[in-house]
Amino acid sequence: MEYYVDRLDTDKAVCTCENGETCLISREELPDDVFEGCVLRKENGTFLLDSERTAARKAQMLALQDSLFGEEAPAWDPA
């Protein structure tokens, strides 16, 4: 299952699951390099950052942004 990080709080991450449900995940369970907007997957009880899916999702959001606002819109940068 995929998890999309919506917001990072001090001790937890607010995520949206691929089924649309919102869930809270303890920061202790997450990789150190997690950031808002990234895609996580859970394998064998461990959350992993999926860099390929994160990049693909970012590209989709940028394409949508460009289609809505034109190519002059500022690029999204989660960092």
N, C-alpha and C. Protein backbone atom coordinates (compact mmCIF):
# COMPACT_ATOMS: atom_id res chain seq x y z
N MET A 1 0.84 -1.17 0.00
CA MET A 1 0.00 0.00 0.00
C MET A 1 0.89 1.24 0.00
N GLU A 2 0.44 2.27 -0.70
CA GLU A 2 1.16 3.54 -0.73
C GLU A 2 0.57 4.52 0.27
N TYR A 3 1.44 5.35 0.81
CA TYR A 3 1.04 6.41 1.73
C TYR A 3 1.65 7.71 1.22
N TYR A 4 0.85 8.77 1.19
CA TYR A 4 1.29 10.07 0.72
C TYR A 4 1.38 10.99 1.93
N VAL A 5 2.56 11.54 2.19
CA VAL A 5 2.77 12.38 3.37
C VAL A 5 2.18 13.76 3.11
N ASP A 6 1.13 14.09 3.85
CA ASP A 6 0.47 15.39 3.72
C ASP A 6 1.13 16.44 4.61
N ARG A 7 1.47 16.04 5.82
CA ARG A 7 2.00 17.00 6.79
C ARG A 7 2.86 16.26 7.81
N LEU A 8 3.94 16.90 8.21
CA LEU A 8 4.81 16.35 9.25
C LEU A 8 4.66 17.18 10.50
N ASP A 9 4.33 16.53 11.60
CA ASP A 9 4.29 17.17 12.91
C ASP A 9 5.52 16.71 13.68
N THR A 10 5.68 17.18 14.87
CA THR A 10 6.85 16.85 15.67
C THR A 10 7.00 15.35 15.89
N ASP A 11 5.91 14.68 16.24
CA ASP A 11 5.99 13.26 16.58
C ASP A 11 5.23 12.33 15.66
N LYS A 12 4.57 12.87 14.63
CA LYS A 12 3.82 12.01 13.72
C LYS A 12 3.72 12.64 12.33
N ALA A 13 3.35 11.80 11.37
CA ALA A 13 3.09 12.26 10.01
C ALA A 13 1.62 12.02 9.71
N VAL A 14 0.99 13.00 9.10
CA VAL A 14 -0.39 12.85 8.64
C VAL A 14 -0.30 12.43 7.18
N CYS A 15 -0.84 11.26 6.88
CA CYS A 15 -0.72 10.68 5.55
C CYS A 15 -2.09 10.34 4.98
N THR A 16 -2.14 10.28 3.67
CA THR A 16 -3.31 9.78 2.98
C THR A 16 -2.92 8.44 2.37
N CYS A 17 -3.72 7.42 2.65
CA CYS A 17 -3.47 6.10 2.08
C CYS A 17 -4.00 6.09 0.65
N GLU A 18 -3.55 5.13 -0.15
CA GLU A 18 -3.98 5.07 -1.53
C GLU A 18 -5.49 4.82 -1.66
N ASN A 19 -6.13 4.34 -0.59
CA ASN A 19 -7.58 4.14 -0.62
C ASN A 19 -8.34 5.41 -0.23
N GLY A 20 -7.59 6.50 0.06
CA GLY A 20 -8.21 7.78 0.37
C GLY A 20 -8.38 8.07 1.85
N GLU A 21 -8.13 7.10 2.69
CA GLU A 21 -8.26 7.31 4.13
C GLU A 21 -7.06 8.06 4.68
N THR A 22 -7.28 8.84 5.73
CA THR A 22 -6.22 9.57 6.41
C THR A 22 -5.73 8.72 7.57
N CYS A 23 -4.41 8.69 7.76
CA CYS A 23 -3.86 7.94 8.88
C CYS A 23 -2.70 8.73 9.49
N LEU A 24 -2.42 8.42 10.74
CA LEU A 24 -1.30 9.02 11.46
C LEU A 24 -0.23 7.95 11.64
N ILE A 25 1.01 8.32 11.33
CA ILE A 25 2.12 7.38 11.48
C ILE A 25 3.17 8.04 12.37
N SER A 26 3.63 7.33 13.35
CA SER A 26 4.66 7.84 14.26
C SER A 26 5.93 8.15 13.48
N ARG A 27 6.57 9.28 13.77
CA ARG A 27 7.81 9.65 13.10
C ARG A 27 8.90 8.61 13.36
N GLU A 28 8.82 7.92 14.49
CA GLU A 28 9.81 6.89 14.81
C GLU A 28 9.78 5.74 13.80
N GLU A 29 8.63 5.52 13.16
CA GLU A 29 8.48 4.44 12.19
C GLU A 29 8.94 4.84 10.79
N LEU A 30 9.20 6.12 10.57
CA LEU A 30 9.49 6.63 9.24
C LEU A 30 10.98 6.79 9.00
N PRO A 31 11.40 6.73 7.72
CA PRO A 31 12.81 6.98 7.42
C PRO A 31 13.19 8.42 7.75
N ASP A 32 14.45 8.66 8.00
CA ASP A 32 14.92 10.00 8.37
C ASP A 32 14.74 11.02 7.26
N ASP A 33 14.76 10.57 6.00
CA ASP A 33 14.70 11.50 4.87
C ASP A 33 13.27 11.75 4.37
N VAL A 34 12.27 11.45 5.18
CA VAL A 34 10.88 11.68 4.79
C VAL A 34 10.60 13.18 4.73
N PHE A 35 9.72 13.59 3.78
CA PHE A 35 9.35 15.00 3.66
C PHE A 35 7.91 15.09 3.17
N GLU A 36 7.31 16.25 3.34
CA GLU A 36 5.93 16.45 2.90
C GLU A 36 5.84 16.27 1.40
N GLY A 37 4.85 15.49 0.98
CA GLY A 37 4.65 15.24 -0.44
C GLY A 37 5.26 13.95 -0.93
N CYS A 38 6.09 13.30 -0.12
CA CYS A 38 6.73 12.08 -0.59
C CYS A 38 5.77 10.89 -0.52
N VAL A 39 6.15 9.84 -1.21
CA VAL A 39 5.38 8.61 -1.26
C VAL A 39 6.13 7.55 -0.45
N LEU A 40 5.40 6.92 0.46
CA LEU A 40 5.95 5.84 1.26
C LEU A 40 5.26 4.54 0.89
N ARG A 41 5.95 3.45 1.09
CA ARG A 41 5.32 2.14 0.98
C ARG A 41 5.79 1.32 2.18
N LYS A 42 4.96 0.37 2.54
CA LYS A 42 5.27 -0.45 3.70
C LYS A 42 5.59 -1.86 3.23
N GLU A 43 6.80 -2.32 3.60
CA GLU A 43 7.24 -3.66 3.25
C GLU A 43 7.75 -4.35 4.50
N ASN A 44 7.20 -5.51 4.78
CA ASN A 44 7.62 -6.29 5.95
C ASN A 44 7.58 -5.47 7.24
N GLY A 45 6.55 -4.64 7.37
CA GLY A 45 6.36 -3.86 8.58
C GLY A 45 7.21 -2.60 8.68
N THR A 46 7.95 -2.28 7.59
CA THR A 46 8.84 -1.12 7.59
C THR A 46 8.40 -0.13 6.51
N PHE A 47 8.36 1.16 6.86
CA PHE A 47 8.04 2.19 5.89
C PHE A 47 9.30 2.58 5.12
N LEU A 48 9.19 2.63 3.79
CA LEU A 48 10.31 2.98 2.94
C LEU A 48 9.91 4.15 2.04
N LEU A 49 10.84 5.05 1.79
CA LEU A 49 10.62 6.16 0.88
C LEU A 49 10.72 5.62 -0.54
N ASP A 50 9.68 5.85 -1.35
CA ASP A 50 9.67 5.41 -2.74
C ASP A 50 10.04 6.60 -3.62
N SER A 51 11.32 6.74 -3.92
CA SER A 51 11.82 7.89 -4.67
C SER A 51 11.25 7.97 -6.07
N GLU A 52 11.10 6.83 -6.74
CA GLU A 52 10.57 6.82 -8.10
C GLU A 52 9.12 7.30 -8.13
N ARG A 53 8.29 6.79 -7.24
CA ARG A 53 6.88 7.20 -7.19
C ARG A 53 6.76 8.65 -6.75
N THR A 54 7.65 9.10 -5.85
CA THR A 54 7.63 10.48 -5.41
C THR A 54 7.93 11.40 -6.60
N ALA A 55 8.96 11.06 -7.39
CA ALA A 55 9.32 11.87 -8.56
C ALA A 55 8.19 11.87 -9.60
N ALA A 56 7.58 10.72 -9.81
CA ALA A 56 6.48 10.63 -10.78
C ALA A 56 5.27 11.45 -10.31
N ARG A 57 4.98 11.38 -9.04
CA ARG A 57 3.85 12.14 -8.48
C ARG A 57 4.13 13.64 -8.58
N LYS A 58 5.35 14.05 -8.30
CA LYS A 58 5.72 15.46 -8.41
C LYS A 58 5.56 15.93 -9.85
N ALA A 59 6.00 15.12 -10.81
CA ALA A 59 5.87 15.47 -12.23
C ALA A 59 4.39 15.62 -12.62
N GLN A 60 3.54 14.74 -12.10
CA GLN A 60 2.10 14.83 -12.38
C GLN A 60 1.53 16.13 -11.82
N MET A 61 1.92 16.49 -10.61
CA MET A 61 1.42 17.71 -9.99
C MET A 61 1.90 18.95 -10.75
N LEU A 62 3.16 18.93 -11.20
CA LEU A 62 3.67 20.06 -11.96
C LEU A 62 2.95 20.19 -13.30
N ALA A 63 2.67 19.07 -13.95
CA ALA A 63 1.94 19.09 -15.22
C ALA A 63 0.53 19.65 -15.00
N LEU A 64 -0.12 19.25 -13.93
CA LEU A 64 -1.45 19.77 -13.62
C LEU A 64 -1.37 21.26 -13.33
N GLN A 65 -0.39 21.66 -12.57
CA GLN A 65 -0.20 23.09 -12.27
C GLN A 65 -0.01 23.89 -13.55
N ASP A 66 0.83 23.38 -14.46
CA ASP A 66 1.06 24.07 -15.73
C ASP A 66 -0.20 24.16 -16.57
N SER A 67 -1.01 23.09 -16.55
CA SER A 67 -2.25 23.11 -17.34
C SER A 67 -3.27 24.08 -16.77
N LEU A 68 -3.22 24.30 -15.46
CA LEU A 68 -4.17 25.21 -14.82
C LEU A 68 -3.73 26.67 -14.88
N PHE A 69 -2.44 26.89 -14.67
CA PHE A 69 -1.94 28.26 -14.51
C PHE A 69 -0.97 28.69 -15.59
N GLY A 70 -0.62 27.81 -16.49
CA GLY A 70 0.36 28.14 -17.51
C GLY A 70 1.76 27.84 -17.01
N GLU A 71 2.71 27.84 -17.91
CA GLU A 71 4.08 27.47 -17.56
C GLU A 71 4.79 28.54 -16.75
N GLU A 72 4.17 29.68 -16.53
CA GLU A 72 4.78 30.75 -15.75
C GLU A 72 4.62 30.53 -14.24
N ALA A 73 3.84 29.54 -13.85
CA ALA A 73 3.59 29.30 -12.42
C ALA A 73 4.88 28.84 -11.75
N PRO A 74 5.11 29.23 -10.51
CA PRO A 74 6.33 28.80 -9.81
C PRO A 74 6.33 27.30 -9.57
N ALA A 75 7.51 26.69 -9.63
CA ALA A 75 7.64 25.25 -9.43
C ALA A 75 7.43 24.91 -7.96
N TRP A 76 6.86 23.74 -7.71
CA TRP A 76 6.63 23.25 -6.36
C TRP A 76 7.91 22.66 -5.83
N ASP A 77 8.30 23.04 -4.62
CA ASP A 77 9.49 22.51 -3.99
C ASP A 77 9.17 22.18 -2.55
N PRO A 78 9.09 20.86 -2.19
CA PRO A 78 8.68 20.49 -0.84
C PRO A 78 9.73 20.80 0.23
N ALA A 79 10.94 21.07 -0.19
CA ALA A 79 12.02 21.29 0.78
C ALA A 79 12.00 22.69 1.36
